[in-house]
């Protein structure tokens, strides 16, 4: 069992760039992923991609600049 297998990772900025790569890598290692981002369409696409590959992921709209959205 890997270090992240079965654990949940909340990735802010998960819709693109390093955040997206982190989501994909952690999902490949068996983590459950919460893709957090202000970019709803792109974030949903990342979560869909992970699920299509057999992983577990959900998208949650998140604006880290707005404490109420945490």
PDB file of N, CA and C in Angstrom:
ATOM      1  N   UNK A   1       0.852  -1.182   0.000  1.00  0.00           N
ATOM      2  CA  UNK A   1       0.000   0.000   0.000  1.00  0.00           C
ATOM      3  C   UNK A   1       0.890   1.235   0.000  1.00  0.00           C
ATOM      4  N   UNK A   2       0.575   2.191  -0.882  1.00  0.00           N
ATOM      5  CA  UNK A   2       1.349   3.419  -0.977  1.00  0.00           C
ATOM      6  C   UNK A   2       1.048   4.378   0.155  1.00  0.00           C
ATOM      7  N   UNK A   3       1.876   5.384   0.276  1.00  0.00           N
ATOM      8  CA  UNK A   3       1.723   6.360   1.365  1.00  0.00           C
ATOM      9  C   UNK A   3       0.417   7.132   1.307  1.00  0.00           C
ATOM     10  N   UNK A   4      -0.137   7.348   0.118  1.00  0.00           N
ATOM     11  CA  UNK A   4      -1.360   8.143   0.005  1.00  0.00           C
ATOM     12  C   UNK A   4      -2.588   7.301  -0.317  1.00  0.00           C
ATOM     13  N   UNK A   5      -2.427   6.020  -0.529  1.00  0.00           N
ATOM     14  CA  UNK A   5      -3.545   5.166  -0.904  1.00  0.00           C
ATOM     15  C   UNK A   5      -4.640   5.216   0.163  1.00  0.00           C
ATOM     16  N   UNK A   6      -5.862   5.528  -0.279  1.00  0.00           N
ATOM     17  CA  UNK A   6      -6.995   5.588   0.623  1.00  0.00           C
ATOM     18  C   UNK A   6      -7.121   6.886   1.404  1.00  0.00           C
ATOM     19  N   UNK A   7      -6.155   7.768   1.289  1.00  0.00           N
ATOM     20  CA  UNK A   7      -6.218   9.060   1.972  1.00  0.00           C
ATOM     21  C   UNK A   7      -6.885  10.077   1.050  1.00  0.00           C
ATOM     22  N   UNK A   8      -7.336  11.190   1.617  1.00  0.00           N
ATOM     23  CA  UNK A   8      -7.984  12.235   0.831  1.00  0.00           C
ATOM     24  C   UNK A   8      -7.062  13.437   0.718  1.00  0.00           C
ATOM     25  N   UNK A   9      -6.876  13.895  -0.522  1.00  0.00           N
ATOM     26  CA  UNK A   9      -6.049  15.069  -0.791  1.00  0.00           C
ATOM     27  C   UNK A   9      -6.950  16.188  -1.304  1.00  0.00           C
ATOM     28  N   UNK A  10      -6.865  17.348  -0.650  1.00  0.00           N
ATOM     29  CA  UNK A  10      -7.586  18.537  -1.100  1.00  0.00           C
ATOM     30  C   UNK A  10      -6.566  19.424  -1.803  1.00  0.00           C
ATOM     31  N   UNK A  11      -6.749  19.607  -3.099  1.00  0.00           N
ATOM     32  CA  UNK A  11      -5.789  20.353  -3.908  1.00  0.00           C
ATOM     33  C   UNK A  11      -6.404  21.676  -4.328  1.00  0.00           C
ATOM     34  N   UNK A  12      -5.839  22.787  -3.832  1.00  0.00           N
ATOM     35  CA  UNK A  12      -6.304  24.102  -4.271  1.00  0.00           C
ATOM     36  C   UNK A  12      -5.611  24.439  -5.589  1.00  0.00           C
ATOM     37  N   UNK A  13      -6.327  25.104  -6.466  1.00  0.00           N
ATOM     38  CA  UNK A  13      -5.765  25.393  -7.788  1.00  0.00           C
ATOM     39  C   UNK A  13      -5.656  24.141  -8.626  1.00  0.00           C
ATOM     40  N   UNK A  14      -6.549  23.175  -8.376  1.00  0.00           N
ATOM     41  CA  UNK A  14      -6.457  21.871  -9.024  1.00  0.00           C
ATOM     42  C   UNK A  14      -6.910  21.802 -10.458  1.00  0.00           C
ATOM     43  N   UNK A  15      -7.430  22.900 -11.012  1.00  0.00           N
ATOM     44  CA  UNK A  15      -7.962  22.867 -12.374  1.00  0.00           C
ATOM     45  C   UNK A  15      -6.897  23.010 -13.450  1.00  0.00           C
ATOM     46  N   UNK A  16      -5.688  23.455 -13.076  1.00  0.00           N
ATOM     47  CA  UNK A  16      -4.666  23.659 -14.105  1.00  0.00           C
ATOM     48  C   UNK A  16      -3.270  23.611 -13.507  1.00  0.00           C
ATOM     49  N   UNK A  17      -2.306  23.566 -14.379  1.00  0.00           N
ATOM     50  CA  UNK A  17      -0.901  23.666 -13.993  1.00  0.00           C
ATOM     51  C   UNK A  17      -0.451  22.623 -12.982  1.00  0.00           C
ATOM     52  N   UNK A  18       0.330  23.083 -12.007  1.00  0.00           N
ATOM     53  CA  UNK A  18       0.879  22.193 -10.990  1.00  0.00           C
ATOM     54  C   UNK A  18      -0.236  21.541 -10.178  1.00  0.00           C
ATOM     55  N   UNK A  19      -1.318  22.279  -9.907  1.00  0.00           N
ATOM     56  CA  UNK A  19      -2.439  21.710  -9.165  1.00  0.00           C
ATOM     57  C   UNK A  19      -3.056  20.530  -9.891  1.00  0.00           C
ATOM     58  N   UNK A  20      -3.274  20.684 -11.186  1.00  0.00           N
ATOM     59  CA  UNK A  20      -3.834  19.589 -11.987  1.00  0.00           C
ATOM     60  C   UNK A  20      -2.887  18.400 -11.996  1.00  0.00           C
ATOM     61  N   UNK A  21      -1.613  18.650 -12.188  1.00  0.00           N
ATOM     62  CA  UNK A  21      -0.634  17.560 -12.193  1.00  0.00           C
ATOM     63  C   UNK A  21      -0.604  16.845 -10.847  1.00  0.00           C
ATOM     64  N   UNK A  22      -0.730  17.607  -9.768  1.00  0.00           N
ATOM     65  CA  UNK A  22      -0.746  17.010  -8.430  1.00  0.00           C
ATOM     66  C   UNK A  22      -1.981  16.136  -8.241  1.00  0.00           C
ATOM     67  N   UNK A  23      -3.131  16.615  -8.709  1.00  0.00           N
ATOM     68  CA  UNK A  23      -4.354  15.823  -8.630  1.00  0.00           C
ATOM     69  C   UNK A  23      -4.190  14.489  -9.347  1.00  0.00           C
ATOM     70  N   UNK A  24      -3.677  14.559 -10.560  1.00  0.00           N
ATOM     71  CA  UNK A  24      -3.528  13.349 -11.374  1.00  0.00           C
ATOM     72  C   UNK A  24      -2.536  12.375 -10.746  1.00  0.00           C
ATOM     73  N   UNK A  25      -1.408  12.884 -10.274  1.00  0.00           N
ATOM     74  CA  UNK A  25      -0.393  12.022  -9.684  1.00  0.00           C
ATOM     75  C   UNK A  25      -0.902  11.360  -8.405  1.00  0.00           C
ATOM     76  N   UNK A  26      -1.497  12.144  -7.528  1.00  0.00           N
ATOM     77  CA  UNK A  26      -1.995  11.582  -6.272  1.00  0.00           C
ATOM     78  C   UNK A  26      -3.109  10.573  -6.519  1.00  0.00           C
ATOM     79  N   UNK A  27      -3.961  10.836  -7.509  1.00  0.00           N
ATOM     80  CA  UNK A  27      -5.013   9.883  -7.852  1.00  0.00           C
ATOM     81  C   UNK A  27      -4.413   8.580  -8.362  1.00  0.00           C
ATOM     82  N   UNK A  28      -3.368   8.669  -9.176  1.00  0.00           N
ATOM     83  CA  UNK A  28      -2.697   7.465  -9.673  1.00  0.00           C
ATOM     84  C   UNK A  28      -2.092   6.652  -8.535  1.00  0.00           C
ATOM     85  N   UNK A  29      -1.729   7.334  -7.465  1.00  0.00           N
ATOM     86  CA  UNK A  29      -1.147   6.667  -6.295  1.00  0.00           C
ATOM     87  C   UNK A  29      -2.213   6.166  -5.326  1.00  0.00           C
ATOM     88  N   UNK A  30      -3.500   6.369  -5.670  1.00  0.00           N
ATOM     89  CA  UNK A  30      -4.586   5.810  -4.874  1.00  0.00           C
ATOM     90  C   UNK A  30      -5.284   6.747  -3.928  1.00  0.00           C
ATOM     91  N   UNK A  31      -4.963   8.040  -3.962  1.00  0.00           N
ATOM     92  CA  UNK A  31      -5.628   9.000  -3.087  1.00  0.00           C
ATOM     93  C   UNK A  31      -7.000   9.367  -3.642  1.00  0.00           C
ATOM     94  N   UNK A  32      -7.900   9.730  -2.743  1.00  0.00           N
ATOM     95  CA  UNK A  32      -9.187  10.323  -3.105  1.00  0.00           C
ATOM     96  C   UNK A  32      -8.923  11.817  -3.261  1.00  0.00           C
ATOM     97  N   UNK A  33      -9.410  12.410  -4.341  1.00  0.00           N
ATOM     98  CA  UNK A  33      -9.047  13.783  -4.667  1.00  0.00           C
ATOM     99  C   UNK A  33     -10.242  14.727  -4.574  1.00  0.00           C
ATOM    100  N   UNK A  34     -10.009  15.873  -3.939  1.00  0.00           N
ATOM    101  CA  UNK A  34     -10.944  16.993  -3.989  1.00  0.00           C
ATOM    102  C   UNK A  34     -10.236  18.074  -4.799  1.00  0.00           C
ATOM    103  N   UNK A  35     -10.763  18.336  -5.989  1.00  0.00           N
ATOM    104  CA  UNK A  35     -10.217  19.355  -6.872  1.00  0.00           C
ATOM    105  C   UNK A  35     -10.874  20.681  -6.493  1.00  0.00           C
ATOM    106  N   UNK A  36     -10.103  21.601  -5.929  1.00  0.00           N
ATOM    107  CA  UNK A  36     -10.635  22.901  -5.544  1.00  0.00           C
ATOM    108  C   UNK A  36     -10.118  23.990  -6.462  1.00  0.00           C
ATOM    109  N   UNK A  37     -11.038  24.817  -6.994  1.00  0.00           N
ATOM    110  CA  UNK A  37     -10.618  25.891  -7.895  1.00  0.00           C
ATOM    111  C   UNK A  37     -11.798  26.825  -8.154  1.00  0.00           C
ATOM    112  N   UNK A  38     -11.498  28.023  -8.637  1.00  0.00           N
ATOM    113  CA  UNK A  38     -12.545  28.955  -9.064  1.00  0.00           C
ATOM    114  C   UNK A  38     -13.001  28.649 -10.480  1.00  0.00           C
ATOM    115  N   UNK A  39     -12.208  27.914 -11.229  1.00  0.00           N
ATOM    116  CA  UNK A  39     -12.517  27.568 -12.618  1.00  0.00           C
ATOM    117  C   UNK A  39     -13.367  26.293 -12.629  1.00  0.00           C
ATOM    118  N   UNK A  40     -14.680  26.478 -12.593  1.00  0.00           N
ATOM    119  CA  UNK A  40     -15.599  25.354 -12.443  1.00  0.00           C
ATOM    120  C   UNK A  40     -15.499  24.348 -13.583  1.00  0.00           C
ATOM    121  N   UNK A  41     -15.590  24.793 -14.820  1.00  0.00           N
ATOM    122  CA  UNK A  41     -15.574  23.861 -15.954  1.00  0.00           C
ATOM    123  C   UNK A  41     -14.282  23.059 -16.003  1.00  0.00           C
ATOM    124  N   UNK A  42     -13.160  23.744 -15.818  1.00  0.00           N
ATOM    125  CA  UNK A  42     -11.866  23.075 -15.873  1.00  0.00           C
ATOM    126  C   UNK A  42     -11.684  22.118 -14.690  1.00  0.00           C
ATOM    127  N   UNK A  43     -12.136  22.537 -13.515  1.00  0.00           N
ATOM    128  CA  UNK A  43     -12.038  21.673 -12.336  1.00  0.00           C
ATOM    129  C   UNK A  43     -12.882  20.419 -12.462  1.00  0.00           C
ATOM    130  N   UNK A  44     -14.106  20.593 -12.974  1.00  0.00           N
ATOM    131  CA  UNK A  44     -14.971  19.431 -13.222  1.00  0.00           C
ATOM    132  C   UNK A  44     -14.319  18.485 -14.218  1.00  0.00           C
ATOM    133  N   UNK A  45     -13.655  19.049 -15.238  1.00  0.00           N
ATOM    134  CA  UNK A  45     -12.995  18.215 -16.249  1.00  0.00           C
ATOM    135  C   UNK A  45     -11.874  17.396 -15.632  1.00  0.00           C
ATOM    136  N   UNK A  46     -11.110  17.974 -14.719  1.00  0.00           N
ATOM    137  CA  UNK A  46     -10.032  17.233 -14.044  1.00  0.00           C
ATOM    138  C   UNK A  46     -10.627  16.096 -13.225  1.00  0.00           C
ATOM    139  N   UNK A  47     -11.680  16.378 -12.466  1.00  0.00           N
ATOM    140  CA  UNK A  47     -12.328  15.334 -11.668  1.00  0.00           C
ATOM    141  C   UNK A  47     -12.888  14.237 -12.573  1.00  0.00           C
ATOM    142  N   UNK A  48     -13.506  14.625 -13.685  1.00  0.00           N
ATOM    143  CA  UNK A  48     -14.034  13.640 -14.635  1.00  0.00           C
ATOM    144  C   UNK A  48     -12.920  12.764 -15.196  1.00  0.00           C
ATOM    145  N   UNK A  49     -11.793  13.378 -15.540  1.00  0.00           N
ATOM    146  CA  UNK A  49     -10.645  12.654 -16.090  1.00  0.00           C
ATOM    147  C   UNK A  49     -10.128  11.616 -15.088  1.00  0.00           C
ATOM    148  N   UNK A  50     -10.044  12.012 -13.842  1.00  0.00           N
ATOM    149  CA  UNK A  50      -9.555  11.089 -12.803  1.00  0.00           C
ATOM    150  C   UNK A  50     -10.524   9.927 -12.632  1.00  0.00           C
ATOM    151  N   UNK A  51     -11.831  10.230 -12.583  1.00  0.00           N
ATOM    152  CA  UNK A  51     -12.824   9.156 -12.441  1.00  0.00           C
ATOM    153  C   UNK A  51     -12.805   8.223 -13.646  1.00  0.00           C
ATOM    154  N   UNK A  52     -12.646   8.783 -14.853  1.00  0.00           N
ATOM    155  CA  UNK A  52     -12.605   7.967 -16.065  1.00  0.00           C
ATOM    156  C   UNK A  52     -11.423   7.003 -16.057  1.00  0.00           C
ATOM    157  N   UNK A  53     -10.353   7.389 -15.371  1.00  0.00           N
ATOM    158  CA  UNK A  53      -9.169   6.537 -15.277  1.00  0.00           C
ATOM    159  C   UNK A  53      -9.260   5.553 -14.100  1.00  0.00           C
ATOM    160  N   UNK A  54     -10.424   5.557 -13.410  1.00  0.00           N
ATOM    161  CA  UNK A  54     -10.617   4.612 -12.318  1.00  0.00           C
ATOM    162  C   UNK A  54     -10.351   5.161 -10.932  1.00  0.00           C
ATOM    163  N   UNK A  55     -10.027   6.457 -10.846  1.00  0.00           N
ATOM    164  CA  UNK A  55      -9.758   7.069  -9.550  1.00  0.00           C
ATOM    165  C   UNK A  55     -11.010   7.653  -8.932  1.00  0.00           C
ATOM    166  N   UNK A  56     -10.837   8.212  -7.743  1.00  0.00           N
ATOM    167  CA  UNK A  56     -11.950   8.843  -7.027  1.00  0.00           C
ATOM    168  C   UNK A  56     -11.653  10.328  -6.910  1.00  0.00           C
ATOM    169  N   UNK A  57     -12.596  11.143  -7.417  1.00  0.00           N
ATOM    170  CA  UNK A  57     -12.393  12.597  -7.380  1.00  0.00           C
ATOM    171  C   UNK A  57     -13.718  13.319  -7.420  1.00  0.00           C
ATOM    172  N   UNK A  58     -13.750  14.461  -6.755  1.00  0.00           N
ATOM    173  CA  UNK A  58     -14.883  15.371  -6.821  1.00  0.00           C
ATOM    174  C   UNK A  58     -14.332  16.771  -7.037  1.00  0.00           C
ATOM    175  N   UNK A  59     -15.171  17.632  -7.595  1.00  0.00           N
ATOM    176  CA  UNK A  59     -14.807  19.034  -7.739  1.00  0.00           C
ATOM    177  C   UNK A  59     -15.563  19.844  -6.708  1.00  0.00           C
ATOM    178  N   UNK A  60     -14.888  20.819  -6.112  1.00  0.00           N
ATOM    179  CA  UNK A  60     -15.523  21.769  -5.190  1.00  0.00           C
ATOM    180  C   UNK A  60     -15.053  23.165  -5.556  1.00  0.00           C
ATOM    181  N   UNK A  61     -16.006  24.050  -5.877  1.00  0.00           N
ATOM    182  CA  UNK A  61     -15.605  25.426  -6.180  1.00  0.00           C
ATOM    183  C   UNK A  61     -14.978  26.023  -4.931  1.00  0.00           C
ATOM    184  N   UNK A  62     -13.811  26.618  -5.095  1.00  0.00           N
ATOM    185  CA  UNK A  62     -13.069  27.165  -3.971  1.00  0.00           C
ATOM    186  C   UNK A  62     -12.287  28.387  -4.416  1.00  0.00           C
ATOM    187  N   UNK A  63     -12.513  29.485  -3.702  1.00  0.00           N
ATOM    188  CA  UNK A  63     -11.736  30.705  -3.913  1.00  0.00           C
ATOM    189  C   UNK A  63     -10.963  30.944  -2.620  1.00  0.00           C
ATOM    190  N   UNK A  64      -9.678  30.661  -2.617  1.00  0.00           N
ATOM    191  CA  UNK A  64      -8.888  30.768  -1.393  1.00  0.00           C
ATOM    192  C   UNK A  64      -8.798  32.201  -0.884  1.00  0.00           C
ATOM    193  N   UNK A  65      -9.136  33.173  -1.729  1.00  0.00           N
ATOM    194  CA  UNK A  65      -9.128  34.575  -1.300  1.00  0.00           C
ATOM    195  C   UNK A  65     -10.351  34.916  -0.469  1.00  0.00           C
ATOM    196  N   UNK A  66     -11.367  34.047  -0.493  1.00  0.00           N
ATOM    197  CA  UNK A  66     -12.627  34.291   0.202  1.00  0.00           C
ATOM    198  C   UNK A  66     -12.804  33.262   1.313  1.00  0.00           C
ATOM    199  N   UNK A  67     -12.502  33.670   2.540  1.00  0.00           N
ATOM    200  CA  UNK A  67     -12.533  32.750   3.680  1.00  0.00           C
ATOM    201  C   UNK A  67     -13.879  32.058   3.825  1.00  0.00           C
ATOM    202  N   UNK A  68     -14.951  32.713   3.469  1.00  0.00           N
ATOM    203  CA  UNK A  68     -16.284  32.112   3.577  1.00  0.00           C
ATOM    204  C   UNK A  68     -16.443  30.900   2.652  1.00  0.00           C
ATOM    205  N   UNK A  69     -15.670  30.835   1.570  1.00  0.00           N
ATOM    206  CA  UNK A  69     -15.796  29.701   0.656  1.00  0.00           C
ATOM    207  C   UNK A  69     -15.003  28.473   1.120  1.00  0.00           C
ATOM    208  N   UNK A  70     -14.191  28.637   2.155  1.00  0.00           N
ATOM    209  CA  UNK A  70     -13.423  27.505   2.672  1.00  0.00           C
ATOM    210  C   UNK A  70     -14.347  26.514   3.315  1.00  0.00           C
TER     211      UNK A  70
END
